[in-house]
Amino acid sequence: MNAALAEEQPPQDEAAAILALHNGDALEAIRTLLAERDAIEEKLKIAAIAMGHGFARGWRTTLPGKYVGEG
């Protein structure tokens, strides 16, 4: 297996890898994950607003408990 292929595979234990990136600080790891989630939600909101209505008529991106693009 070449090095490029090895780099593309996610670590076996992603939770342990995330904790390792934050030197074992679980609260910082959670804060980072929440910030990344918020950034992705914002991108989905923008995409939902910018998306045309013809091709995906009626489709709306959903997140648990709410539609993206709604408050």
N, C-alpha and C. Protein backbone atom coordinates (compact mmCIF):
# COMPACT_ATOMS: atom_id res chain seq x y z
N MET A 1 0.85 -1.18 0.00
CA MET A 1 0.00 0.00 0.00
C MET A 1 0.90 1.25 0.00
N ASN A 2 0.57 2.20 -0.87
CA ASN A 2 1.41 3.40 -0.94
C ASN A 2 1.01 4.40 0.14
N ALA A 3 1.86 5.40 0.36
CA ALA A 3 1.65 6.37 1.43
C ALA A 3 0.40 7.21 1.20
N ALA A 4 0.09 7.56 -0.05
CA ALA A 4 -1.09 8.39 -0.33
C ALA A 4 -2.36 7.66 0.03
N LEU A 5 -2.43 6.37 -0.26
CA LEU A 5 -3.62 5.59 0.09
C LEU A 5 -3.76 5.45 1.59
N ALA A 6 -2.65 5.28 2.30
CA ALA A 6 -2.69 5.15 3.75
C ALA A 6 -3.19 6.44 4.40
N GLU A 7 -2.85 7.59 3.82
CA GLU A 7 -3.27 8.87 4.39
C GLU A 7 -4.76 9.12 4.20
N GLU A 8 -5.38 8.53 3.17
CA GLU A 8 -6.79 8.76 2.90
C GLU A 8 -7.70 7.99 3.85
N GLN A 9 -7.23 6.90 4.42
CA GLN A 9 -8.06 6.09 5.31
C GLN A 9 -8.17 6.76 6.67
N PRO A 10 -9.39 6.84 7.22
CA PRO A 10 -9.54 7.45 8.54
C PRO A 10 -8.91 6.57 9.61
N PRO A 11 -8.52 7.16 10.72
CA PRO A 11 -7.94 6.36 11.81
C PRO A 11 -8.97 5.36 12.32
N GLN A 12 -8.50 4.27 12.88
CA GLN A 12 -9.39 3.24 13.39
C GLN A 12 -10.30 3.79 14.48
N ASP A 13 -9.76 4.58 15.37
CA ASP A 13 -10.55 5.15 16.45
C ASP A 13 -10.49 6.67 16.33
N GLU A 14 -11.47 7.23 15.62
CA GLU A 14 -11.47 8.67 15.37
C GLU A 14 -11.60 9.47 16.66
N ALA A 15 -12.35 8.97 17.62
CA ALA A 15 -12.51 9.68 18.89
C ALA A 15 -11.16 9.81 19.60
N ALA A 16 -10.39 8.75 19.61
CA ALA A 16 -9.06 8.79 20.24
C ALA A 16 -8.15 9.75 19.48
N ALA A 17 -8.26 9.78 18.16
CA ALA A 17 -7.43 10.68 17.36
C ALA A 17 -7.78 12.14 17.65
N ILE A 18 -9.07 12.43 17.78
CA ILE A 18 -9.50 13.80 18.09
C ILE A 18 -8.99 14.21 19.47
N LEU A 19 -9.11 13.32 20.44
CA LEU A 19 -8.59 13.62 21.78
C LEU A 19 -7.09 13.84 21.74
N ALA A 20 -6.38 13.04 20.96
CA ALA A 20 -4.93 13.19 20.85
C ALA A 20 -4.57 14.56 20.26
N LEU A 21 -5.36 15.03 19.29
CA LEU A 21 -5.10 16.34 18.70
C LEU A 21 -5.27 17.47 19.71
N HIS A 22 -6.05 17.21 20.75
CA HIS A 22 -6.30 18.22 21.78
C HIS A 22 -5.59 17.87 23.09
N ASN A 23 -4.54 17.05 22.98
CA ASN A 23 -3.73 16.65 24.14
C ASN A 23 -4.57 16.08 25.28
N GLY A 24 -5.60 15.32 24.93
CA GLY A 24 -6.43 14.66 25.94
C GLY A 24 -7.47 15.55 26.59
N ASP A 25 -7.58 16.79 26.17
CA ASP A 25 -8.56 17.72 26.76
C ASP A 25 -9.91 17.50 26.09
N ALA A 26 -10.78 16.77 26.76
CA ALA A 26 -12.08 16.40 26.18
C ALA A 26 -12.96 17.62 25.93
N LEU A 27 -12.93 18.59 26.83
CA LEU A 27 -13.77 19.79 26.63
C LEU A 27 -13.34 20.57 25.40
N GLU A 28 -12.05 20.70 25.17
CA GLU A 28 -11.58 21.39 23.97
C GLU A 28 -11.95 20.62 22.72
N ALA A 29 -11.86 19.30 22.78
CA ALA A 29 -12.24 18.48 21.64
C ALA A 29 -13.72 18.67 21.31
N ILE A 30 -14.56 18.67 22.34
CA ILE A 30 -16.00 18.88 22.13
C ILE A 30 -16.26 20.27 21.58
N ARG A 31 -15.59 21.27 22.11
CA ARG A 31 -15.77 22.64 21.61
C ARG A 31 -15.40 22.73 20.13
N THR A 32 -14.31 22.08 19.74
CA THR A 32 -13.89 22.08 18.34
C THR A 32 -14.93 21.40 17.47
N LEU A 33 -15.43 20.25 17.90
CA LEU A 33 -16.44 19.53 17.12
C LEU A 33 -17.72 20.35 16.99
N LEU A 34 -18.12 21.03 18.06
CA LEU A 34 -19.32 21.86 18.00
C LEU A 34 -19.12 23.05 17.05
N ALA A 35 -17.94 23.63 17.07
CA ALA A 35 -17.64 24.75 16.17
C ALA A 35 -17.66 24.28 14.71
N GLU A 36 -17.12 23.09 14.47
CA GLU A 36 -17.14 22.55 13.10
C GLU A 36 -18.57 22.25 12.68
N ARG A 37 -19.38 21.72 13.59
CA ARG A 37 -20.78 21.45 13.27
C ARG A 37 -21.51 22.74 12.92
N ASP A 38 -21.27 23.79 13.70
CA ASP A 38 -21.92 25.08 13.42
C ASP A 38 -21.50 25.63 12.06
N ALA A 39 -20.23 25.47 11.71
CA ALA A 39 -19.75 25.95 10.41
C ALA A 39 -20.42 25.18 9.27
N ILE A 40 -20.58 23.88 9.44
CA ILE A 40 -21.23 23.07 8.41
C ILE A 40 -22.70 23.44 8.30
N GLU A 41 -23.38 23.66 9.44
CA GLU A 41 -24.78 24.09 9.41
C GLU A 41 -24.93 25.39 8.65
N GLU A 42 -24.01 26.33 8.87
CA GLU A 42 -24.07 27.62 8.18
C GLU A 42 -23.90 27.43 6.67
N LYS A 43 -22.97 26.57 6.26
CA LYS A 43 -22.78 26.30 4.84
C LYS A 43 -24.02 25.66 4.24
N LEU A 44 -24.67 24.76 4.97
CA LEU A 44 -25.89 24.14 4.48
C LEU A 44 -27.02 25.16 4.36
N LYS A 45 -27.09 26.10 5.29
CA LYS A 45 -28.11 27.15 5.20
C LYS A 45 -27.92 27.96 3.93
N ILE A 46 -26.67 28.33 3.65
CA ILE A 46 -26.38 29.12 2.45
C ILE A 46 -26.70 28.32 1.20
N ALA A 47 -26.33 27.04 1.20
CA ALA A 47 -26.61 26.19 0.05
C ALA A 47 -28.11 26.04 -0.17
N ALA A 48 -28.88 25.90 0.91
CA ALA A 48 -30.33 25.74 0.80
C ALA A 48 -30.97 27.00 0.22
N ILE A 49 -30.44 28.16 0.58
CA ILE A 49 -30.98 29.43 0.07
C ILE A 49 -30.60 29.61 -1.39
N ALA A 50 -29.35 29.25 -1.74
CA ALA A 50 -28.86 29.48 -3.10
C ALA A 50 -29.31 28.43 -4.09
N MET A 51 -29.77 27.29 -3.62
CA MET A 51 -30.13 26.19 -4.51
C MET A 51 -31.35 26.54 -5.34
N GLY A 52 -31.29 26.18 -6.61
CA GLY A 52 -32.42 26.40 -7.49
C GLY A 52 -33.61 25.54 -7.07
N HIS A 53 -34.80 25.90 -7.51
CA HIS A 53 -36.00 25.19 -7.11
C HIS A 53 -36.47 24.18 -8.15
N GLY A 54 -35.91 24.20 -9.36
CA GLY A 54 -36.38 23.32 -10.42
C GLY A 54 -35.92 21.88 -10.27
N PHE A 55 -34.63 21.67 -10.15
CA PHE A 55 -34.07 20.33 -10.15
C PHE A 55 -34.45 19.55 -8.88
N ALA A 56 -34.40 20.20 -7.76
CA ALA A 56 -34.65 19.51 -6.49
C ALA A 56 -35.93 20.04 -5.85
N ARG A 57 -36.94 20.20 -6.63
CA ARG A 57 -38.20 20.77 -6.15
C ARG A 57 -38.71 20.01 -4.93
N GLY A 58 -38.95 20.72 -3.88
CA GLY A 58 -39.49 20.14 -2.66
C GLY A 58 -38.46 19.57 -1.71
N TRP A 59 -37.22 19.41 -2.15
CA TRP A 59 -36.19 18.86 -1.27
C TRP A 59 -35.67 19.95 -0.36
N ARG A 60 -35.55 19.63 0.91
CA ARG A 60 -34.98 20.56 1.88
C ARG A 60 -34.01 19.80 2.74
N THR A 61 -32.85 20.38 2.98
CA THR A 61 -31.87 19.77 3.85
C THR A 61 -32.39 19.79 5.27
N THR A 62 -32.29 18.68 5.96
CA THR A 62 -32.76 18.64 7.34
C THR A 62 -31.63 18.28 8.28
N LEU A 63 -31.72 18.81 9.46
CA LEU A 63 -30.86 18.44 10.56
C LEU A 63 -31.79 17.93 11.66
N PRO A 64 -31.26 17.18 12.59
CA PRO A 64 -32.14 16.66 13.64
C PRO A 64 -32.96 17.76 14.30
N GLY A 65 -34.27 17.66 14.17
CA GLY A 65 -35.17 18.59 14.85
C GLY A 65 -35.47 19.88 14.13
N LYS A 66 -34.88 20.11 12.93
CA LYS A 66 -35.16 21.37 12.25
C LYS A 66 -34.77 21.27 10.78
N TYR A 67 -35.30 22.20 10.00
CA TYR A 67 -34.90 22.33 8.61
C TYR A 67 -33.78 23.35 8.53
N VAL A 68 -32.81 23.09 7.68
CA VAL A 68 -31.75 24.07 7.46
C VAL A 68 -32.36 25.27 6.77
N GLY A 69 -31.96 26.45 7.16
CA GLY A 69 -32.50 27.65 6.56
C GLY A 69 -33.60 28.27 7.43
N GLU A 70 -34.05 27.54 8.41
CA GLU A 70 -35.03 28.08 9.36
C GLU A 70 -34.35 28.32 10.68
N GLY A 71 -34.81 29.29 11.42
CA GLY A 71 -34.22 29.66 12.70
C GLY A 71 -34.23 28.66 13.72
